[in-house]
Amino acid sequence: MNFRGLAERQSELRRSKLRWTRRGATVFFLFFVLAVTWPGMAPFNRIHPLVLGLPFSMFWIAVWVFSSFLVLVAVDKIEGRFREEDD
């Protein structure tokens, strides 16, 4: 395999990884919306037990908000690597 073919293959692999990262984040945020709105929130919409001093329903939403932050940080790091490689 020549250098050009290898470079094209690496470029395709990078685009594929980036595509899967974005799809994974999209799926996560679809679950996020479902989990904090009415149909997904219904089983967790209660006050007791208290978790870290918060009603359980508020804790449920806080966990999803924090996990969305972690997902966005991961997506930014992965996309940042691709931006650096393209420069």
C-alpha atoms as a PDB file:
ATOM      1  CA  MET A   1       0.000   0.000   0.000  1.00  0.00           C
ATOM      2  CA  ASN A   2       1.401   3.378  -0.925  1.00  0.00           C
ATOM      3  CA  PHE A   3       1.538   6.461   1.294  1.00  0.00           C
ATOM      4  CA  ARG A   4      -1.469   8.091  -0.343  1.00  0.00           C
ATOM      5  CA  GLY A   5      -3.641   5.016   0.203  1.00  0.00           C
ATOM      6  CA  LEU A   6      -2.533   4.808   3.832  1.00  0.00           C
ATOM      7  CA  ALA A   7      -3.299   8.490   4.409  1.00  0.00           C
ATOM      8  CA  GLU A   8      -6.742   8.091   2.853  1.00  0.00           C
ATOM      9  CA  ARG A   9      -7.442   5.052   5.038  1.00  0.00           C
ATOM     10  CA  GLN A  10      -6.395   6.908   8.197  1.00  0.00           C
ATOM     11  CA  SER A  11      -8.535   9.872   7.188  1.00  0.00           C
ATOM     12  CA  GLU A  12     -11.534   7.585   6.678  1.00  0.00           C
ATOM     13  CA  LEU A  13     -10.979   5.966  10.086  1.00  0.00           C
ATOM     14  CA  ARG A  14     -10.830   9.385  11.761  1.00  0.00           C
ATOM     15  CA  ARG A  15     -14.050  10.483  10.060  1.00  0.00           C
ATOM     16  CA  SER A  16     -15.713   7.221  11.077  1.00  0.00           C
ATOM     17  CA  LYS A  17     -14.703   7.644  14.728  1.00  0.00           C
ATOM     18  CA  LEU A  18     -15.911  11.224  14.712  1.00  0.00           C
ATOM     19  CA  ARG A  19     -19.214  10.140  13.152  1.00  0.00           C
ATOM     20  CA  TRP A  20     -19.745   7.453  15.817  1.00  0.00           C
ATOM     21  CA  THR A  21     -18.893   9.929  18.584  1.00  0.00           C
ATOM     22  CA  ARG A  22     -21.482  12.377  17.318  1.00  0.00           C
ATOM     23  CA  ARG A  23     -24.089   9.638  16.887  1.00  0.00           C
ATOM     24  CA  GLY A  24     -23.420   8.375  20.404  1.00  0.00           C
ATOM     25  CA  ALA A  25     -23.842  11.867  21.819  1.00  0.00           C
ATOM     26  CA  THR A  26     -27.077  12.294  19.854  1.00  0.00           C
ATOM     27  CA  VAL A  27     -28.474   9.026  21.212  1.00  0.00           C
ATOM     28  CA  PHE A  28     -27.447  10.016  24.746  1.00  0.00           C
ATOM     29  CA  PHE A  29     -29.252  13.346  24.476  1.00  0.00           C
ATOM     30  CA  LEU A  30     -32.381  11.658  23.112  1.00  0.00           C
ATOM     31  CA  PHE A  31     -32.376   9.438  26.214  1.00  0.00           C
ATOM     32  CA  PHE A  32     -31.687  12.546  28.317  1.00  0.00           C
ATOM     33  CA  VAL A  33     -34.788  14.282  26.973  1.00  0.00           C
ATOM     34  CA  LEU A  34     -36.877  11.171  27.538  1.00  0.00           C
ATOM     35  CA  ALA A  35     -35.529  10.671  31.078  1.00  0.00           C
ATOM     36  CA  VAL A  36     -36.266  14.198  32.325  1.00  0.00           C
ATOM     37  CA  THR A  37     -39.650  14.731  30.674  1.00  0.00           C
ATOM     38  CA  TRP A  38     -43.004  13.224  31.494  1.00  0.00           C
ATOM     39  CA  PRO A  39     -42.893   9.675  30.145  1.00  0.00           C
ATOM     40  CA  GLY A  40     -39.398   8.902  31.423  1.00  0.00           C
ATOM     41  CA  MET A  41     -39.684  10.911  34.617  1.00  0.00           C
ATOM     42  CA  ALA A  42     -42.936   9.286  35.810  1.00  0.00           C
ATOM     43  CA  PRO A  43     -41.334   6.304  37.628  1.00  0.00           C
ATOM     44  CA  PHE A  44     -38.879   8.596  39.409  1.00  0.00           C
ATOM     45  CA  ASN A  45     -41.243  11.428  40.297  1.00  0.00           C
ATOM     46  CA  ARG A  46     -41.262  11.061  44.074  1.00  0.00           C
ATOM     47  CA  ILE A  47     -39.808  12.862  47.045  1.00  0.00           C
ATOM     48  CA  HIS A  48     -38.499   9.975  49.129  1.00  0.00           C
ATOM     49  CA  PRO A  49     -35.822   8.709  49.396  1.00  0.00           C
ATOM     50  CA  LEU A  50     -33.732  11.822  49.868  1.00  0.00           C
ATOM     51  CA  VAL A  51     -30.390  11.539  48.080  1.00  0.00           C
ATOM     52  CA  LEU A  52     -27.674  13.983  49.153  1.00  0.00           C
ATOM     53  CA  GLY A  53     -30.432  16.064  50.742  1.00  0.00           C
ATOM     54  CA  LEU A  54     -32.339  16.353  47.475  1.00  0.00           C
ATOM     55  CA  PRO A  55     -35.703  14.851  46.659  1.00  0.00           C
ATOM     56  CA  PHE A  56     -35.192  11.829  44.432  1.00  0.00           C
ATOM     57  CA  SER A  57     -36.771  13.477  41.382  1.00  0.00           C
ATOM     58  CA  MET A  58     -34.421  16.461  41.647  1.00  0.00           C
ATOM     59  CA  PHE A  59     -31.445  14.150  42.125  1.00  0.00           C
ATOM     60  CA  TRP A  60     -32.535  12.219  39.004  1.00  0.00           C
ATOM     61  CA  ILE A  61     -32.472  15.395  36.918  1.00  0.00           C
ATOM     62  CA  ALA A  62     -29.165  16.543  38.455  1.00  0.00           C
ATOM     63  CA  VAL A  63     -27.515  13.222  37.538  1.00  0.00           C
ATOM     64  CA  TRP A  64     -28.641  13.591  33.926  1.00  0.00           C
ATOM     65  CA  VAL A  65     -27.453  17.201  33.736  1.00  0.00           C
ATOM     66  CA  PHE A  66     -24.048  16.275  35.167  1.00  0.00           C
ATOM     67  CA  SER A  67     -23.715  13.277  32.858  1.00  0.00           C
ATOM     68  CA  SER A  68     -24.566  15.499  29.872  1.00  0.00           C
ATOM     69  CA  PHE A  69     -21.675  17.734  30.903  1.00  0.00           C
ATOM     70  CA  LEU A  70     -19.355  14.712  30.889  1.00  0.00           C
ATOM     71  CA  VAL A  71     -20.594  13.635  27.453  1.00  0.00           C
ATOM     72  CA  LEU A  72     -20.017  17.113  26.047  1.00  0.00           C
ATOM     73  CA  VAL A  73     -16.494  17.220  27.503  1.00  0.00           C
ATOM     74  CA  ALA A  74     -15.721  13.834  25.923  1.00  0.00           C
ATOM     75  CA  VAL A  75     -17.080  14.946  22.537  1.00  0.00           C
ATOM     76  CA  ASP A  76     -15.043  18.151  22.724  1.00  0.00           C
ATOM     77  CA  LYS A  77     -11.843  16.239  23.519  1.00  0.00           C
ATOM     78  CA  ILE A  78     -12.374  13.796  20.666  1.00  0.00           C
ATOM     79  CA  GLU A  79     -13.256  16.522  18.178  1.00  0.00           C
ATOM     80  CA  GLY A  80     -10.324  18.594  19.450  1.00  0.00           C
ATOM     81  CA  ARG A  81      -7.935  15.800  18.511  1.00  0.00           C
ATOM     82  CA  PHE A  82      -9.373  15.766  15.003  1.00  0.00           C
ATOM     83  CA  ARG A  83      -9.077  19.544  14.704  1.00  0.00           C
ATOM     84  CA  GLU A  84      -5.406  19.384  15.736  1.00  0.00           C
ATOM     85  CA  GLU A  85      -4.689  16.616  13.218  1.00  0.00           C
ATOM     86  CA  ASP A  86      -6.334  18.560  10.394  1.00  0.00           C
ATOM     87  CA  ASP A  87      -4.254  21.693  11.006  1.00  0.00           C
END
